[in-house]
Protein backbone atom coordinates (compact mmCIF):
# COMPACT_ATOMS: atom_id res chain seq x y z
CA MET A 1 0.02 0.01 -0.10
CA PRO A 2 1.37 3.21 -0.97
CA SER A 3 2.40 5.72 1.64
CA LYS A 4 0.49 8.94 2.25
CA GLU A 5 3.37 10.88 1.34
CA HIS A 6 3.55 9.10 -2.02
CA GLU A 7 -0.28 9.29 -2.59
CA ALA A 8 0.33 13.16 -1.93
CA LEU A 9 2.98 13.30 -4.41
CA VAL A 10 1.03 11.59 -7.03
CA GLU A 11 -1.87 13.92 -6.89
CA LYS A 12 0.83 16.83 -6.93
CA VAL A 13 2.05 15.68 -10.06
CA ALA A 14 -1.38 14.56 -11.45
CA ARG A 15 -2.58 18.32 -10.62
CA VAL A 16 0.25 19.87 -12.45
CA ILE A 17 -0.41 17.67 -15.61
CA CYS A 18 -4.10 18.68 -15.51
CA PHE A 19 -3.21 22.38 -15.30
CA GLU A 20 -0.67 22.07 -18.09
CA THR A 21 -2.93 20.27 -20.44
CA GLY A 22 -5.90 22.36 -19.73
CA SER A 23 -8.19 19.47 -19.90
CA MET A 24 -10.04 19.79 -16.75
CA GLY A 25 -10.02 23.50 -16.26
CA ASP A 26 -9.88 24.27 -12.59
CA PRO A 27 -9.02 21.14 -10.54
CA MET A 28 -12.32 19.92 -9.04
CA PRO A 29 -12.49 19.02 -5.24
CA ILE A 30 -10.65 15.62 -4.45
CA GLU A 31 -14.19 13.65 -4.10
CA LEU A 32 -14.96 14.35 -7.56
CA GLN A 33 -11.83 13.89 -8.94
CA ARG A 34 -11.50 10.22 -7.79
CA VAL A 35 -14.40 9.55 -10.26
CA ASP A 36 -13.38 11.59 -13.30
CA ARG A 37 -12.13 9.62 -16.20
CA ASP A 38 -9.62 12.50 -17.04
CA TRP A 39 -8.56 12.72 -13.52
CA GLN A 40 -7.62 9.02 -13.28
CA GLU A 41 -5.66 9.34 -16.85
CA HIS A 42 -3.66 12.45 -15.00
CA VAL A 43 -3.17 10.13 -12.01
CA THR A 44 -1.80 7.42 -14.32
CA ALA A 45 0.62 9.86 -15.98
CA ALA A 46 1.68 11.11 -12.76
CA LYS A 47 2.59 7.61 -11.62
CA ALA A 48 4.44 6.95 -14.64
CA ALA A 49 6.47 10.46 -14.64
CA ILE A 50 7.24 9.36 -10.63
CA PHE A 51 8.47 5.98 -11.91
CA ALA A 52 10.83 7.40 -14.77
CA ILE A 53 12.15 10.07 -12.10
CA ARG A 54 12.84 7.30 -9.74
CA GLU A 55 14.49 5.17 -12.66
CA ALA A 56 16.62 8.20 -13.54
CA LEU A 57 17.85 8.62 -9.91
CA GLN A 58 18.41 5.16 -8.89
CA GLU A 59 22.06 4.90 -10.08
CA PRO A 60 23.99 8.20 -9.94
CA THR A 61 25.99 8.84 -12.79
CA GLU A 62 29.56 9.42 -12.61
CA VAL A 63 28.98 13.24 -13.23
CA MET A 64 26.43 13.28 -10.40
CA THR A 65 28.70 11.55 -8.22
CA ALA A 66 31.50 14.03 -8.95
CA ASN A 67 29.21 16.97 -8.47
CA GLY A 68 27.80 15.63 -5.26
CA TYR A 69 31.35 15.15 -3.75
CA VAL A 70 32.49 18.61 -4.38
CA HIS A 71 29.80 19.79 -2.11
CA CYS A 72 29.83 16.98 0.36
CA TYR A 73 29.86 19.07 3.57
CA ASN A 74 26.39 20.68 2.56
CA PRO A 75 23.52 17.95 2.03
CA ASP A 76 21.25 20.66 0.45
CA ARG A 77 23.89 21.63 -2.26
CA THR A 78 25.17 18.20 -2.81
CA TRP A 79 21.70 17.01 -3.62
CA SER A 80 21.09 20.21 -5.92
CA ALA A 81 24.37 19.63 -7.47
CA MET A 82 23.74 15.99 -8.04
CA LEU A 83 20.28 16.56 -9.51
CA ALA A 84 21.48 19.20 -11.71
CA ALA A 85 24.09 16.80 -13.32
CA SER A 86 21.33 14.25 -13.87
CA ALA A 87 19.09 13.97 -17.06
CA LEU A 88 16.72 15.31 -14.82
CA GLY A 89 18.52 18.65 -14.03
CA GLU A 90 19.05 19.13 -17.89
CA GLN A 91 15.41 19.27 -18.56
CA SER A 92 14.84 21.93 -15.71
CA LYS A 93 17.20 24.70 -17.13
């Protein structure tokens, strides 16, 4: 069973997908979203996106490790440097 944190992340990503695609207008109350077909498609897309992100971060690349090592005394900077050096970081520029 997924954790509450995971379900909250899925909902957050699904809401962004919903907003970006504009397919549902303003997000509906959560009770109505659970039965809405479009919303279920957004949830499926969100789960796929989260899975892809996890896969991309599962094994750090050499560049990610090298960039993380430079900032090893500051966990926030380490994570930021490693993420920026990953394929995901390339997309956020």
